[in-house]
Amino acid sequence: MIVLFFVRRRWAVRVLTETGLPIRGPTATLLIDLIVWGAKQSEATARAAGQRLPKAESVLLMAMGLPRNPTVAARMMRSLPMTQEQTSQALDATRTAARVIARAYGFDNLVALDDAR
């Protein structure tokens, strides 16, 4: 039997595993929470517009978009003892990892969308 619980979290963990950050560390934990929260918000917005956004795609899009969101960086620096540079590096690594995972799983359209931003 295949269990489909916590799909967003599993995709977020895949992305953060690719970054090389300790997956149980505070930085990865916070990033996973932010990605999952953002993915849920994106899915709700899509539903309100009458569209459907699959969970994997919403997670990957959110992970790719984290470096562009100043609120995320501020929250990370407020929640963790990180400098602006460390925060920027973690967010850039997350974006790069999301792009690698997207390519590996055949979501080339998401990478193209990220390139267009």
Protein backbone atom coordinates (compact mmCIF):
# COMPACT_ATOMS: atom_id res chain seq x y z
CA MET A 1 0.00 0.00 0.00
CA ILE A 2 1.37 3.39 -0.97
CA VAL A 3 0.96 6.12 1.62
CA LEU A 4 0.43 9.58 0.18
CA PHE A 5 0.55 11.61 3.38
CA PHE A 6 2.77 14.66 3.71
CA VAL A 7 3.45 14.94 -0.01
CA ARG A 8 4.52 18.60 0.25
CA ARG A 9 6.90 17.87 3.11
CA ARG A 10 8.50 14.94 1.25
CA TRP A 11 9.15 17.12 -1.81
CA ALA A 12 10.54 19.88 0.40
CA VAL A 13 12.85 17.35 2.09
CA ARG A 14 14.05 16.18 -1.34
CA VAL A 15 14.97 19.74 -2.20
CA LEU A 16 16.74 20.42 1.09
CA THR A 17 18.59 17.09 0.95
CA GLU A 18 20.00 18.21 -2.39
CA THR A 19 21.36 21.41 -0.79
CA GLY A 20 23.62 19.45 1.52
CA LEU A 21 22.28 21.16 4.64
CA PRO A 22 21.80 18.86 7.64
CA ILE A 23 18.17 17.87 7.15
CA ARG A 24 17.42 17.89 10.88
CA GLY A 25 19.24 21.17 11.45
CA PRO A 26 17.40 24.38 12.29
CA THR A 27 18.04 26.00 8.90
CA ALA A 28 16.67 23.06 6.90
CA THR A 29 13.74 22.67 9.29
CA LEU A 30 12.76 26.31 8.91
CA LEU A 31 13.17 26.20 5.13
CA ILE A 32 11.01 23.07 4.89
CA ASP A 33 8.30 24.75 6.97
CA LEU A 34 8.44 27.89 4.81
CA ILE A 35 8.29 25.89 1.57
CA VAL A 36 5.33 23.80 2.76
CA TRP A 37 3.46 26.88 4.02
CA GLY A 38 4.07 28.75 0.78
CA ALA A 39 3.06 25.76 -1.34
CA LYS A 40 -0.24 25.51 0.54
CA GLN A 41 -0.87 29.21 -0.05
CA SER A 42 -0.11 28.86 -3.77
CA GLU A 43 -2.45 25.90 -4.08
CA ALA A 44 -5.24 27.81 -2.31
CA THR A 45 -4.75 30.79 -4.62
CA ALA A 46 -4.86 28.52 -7.67
CA ARG A 47 -8.03 26.84 -6.38
CA ALA A 48 -9.68 30.22 -5.84
CA ALA A 49 -8.92 31.04 -9.48
CA GLY A 50 -10.46 27.73 -10.60
CA GLN A 51 -7.11 26.10 -11.36
CA ARG A 52 -5.37 23.05 -9.95
CA LEU A 53 -1.72 23.16 -8.90
CA PRO A 54 -0.21 19.74 -8.11
CA LYS A 55 1.58 19.50 -4.78
CA ALA A 56 4.99 18.61 -6.22
CA GLU A 57 4.89 21.54 -8.61
CA SER A 58 3.75 23.97 -5.92
CA VAL A 59 6.63 22.89 -3.65
CA LEU A 60 9.23 23.21 -6.40
CA LEU A 61 7.90 26.59 -7.52
CA MET A 62 7.95 27.86 -3.93
CA ALA A 63 11.49 26.59 -3.36
CA MET A 64 12.66 28.28 -6.56
CA GLY A 65 11.01 31.53 -5.55
CA LEU A 66 12.36 31.77 -1.99
CA PRO A 67 15.39 33.96 -2.83
CA ARG A 68 13.08 36.56 -4.39
CA ASN A 69 10.98 36.91 -1.23
CA PRO A 70 12.42 39.46 1.24
CA THR A 71 9.99 38.34 3.94
CA VAL A 72 11.52 34.87 3.93
CA ALA A 73 15.03 36.25 4.42
CA ALA A 74 13.84 38.50 7.25
CA ARG A 75 12.08 35.60 8.95
CA MET A 76 15.15 33.40 8.70
CA MET A 77 17.40 36.06 10.21
CA ARG A 78 14.86 36.72 12.95
CA SER A 79 14.38 33.00 13.75
CA LEU A 80 17.98 31.81 13.41
CA PRO A 81 21.35 33.35 14.26
CA MET A 82 22.26 33.97 10.62
CA THR A 83 23.86 36.86 8.81
CA GLN A 84 22.40 38.34 5.65
CA GLU A 85 25.09 36.55 3.62
CA GLN A 86 24.41 33.16 5.23
CA THR A 87 20.70 33.59 4.64
CA SER A 88 21.28 34.53 1.01
CA GLN A 89 23.53 31.51 0.49
CA ALA A 90 20.97 29.13 2.02
CA LEU A 91 18.17 30.54 -0.13
CA ASP A 92 20.27 30.42 -3.31
CA ALA A 93 21.26 26.82 -2.54
CA THR A 94 17.58 25.97 -2.07
CA ARG A 95 16.69 27.50 -5.45
CA THR A 96 19.51 25.63 -7.18
CA ALA A 97 18.52 22.36 -5.51
CA ALA A 98 14.88 22.83 -6.52
CA ARG A 99 15.97 23.32 -10.12
CA VAL A 100 18.06 20.12 -9.98
CA ILE A 101 15.15 18.14 -8.49
CA ALA A 102 12.72 19.59 -11.05
CA ARG A 103 14.96 18.48 -13.92
CA ALA A 104 15.51 15.05 -12.36
CA TYR A 105 11.76 14.43 -12.11
CA GLY A 106 10.89 15.81 -15.54
CA PHE A 107 9.51 19.20 -14.52
CA ASP A 108 11.50 21.06 -17.16
CA ASN A 109 8.60 23.45 -17.63
CA LEU A 110 9.11 24.69 -14.05
CA VAL A 111 12.79 25.37 -14.71
CA ALA A 112 11.84 27.30 -17.84
CA LEU A 113 9.29 29.26 -15.83
CA ASP A 114 11.95 30.07 -13.22
CA ASP A 115 14.31 31.22 -15.98
CA ALA A 116 11.61 33.54 -17.30
CA ARG A 117 11.17 35.26 -13.90
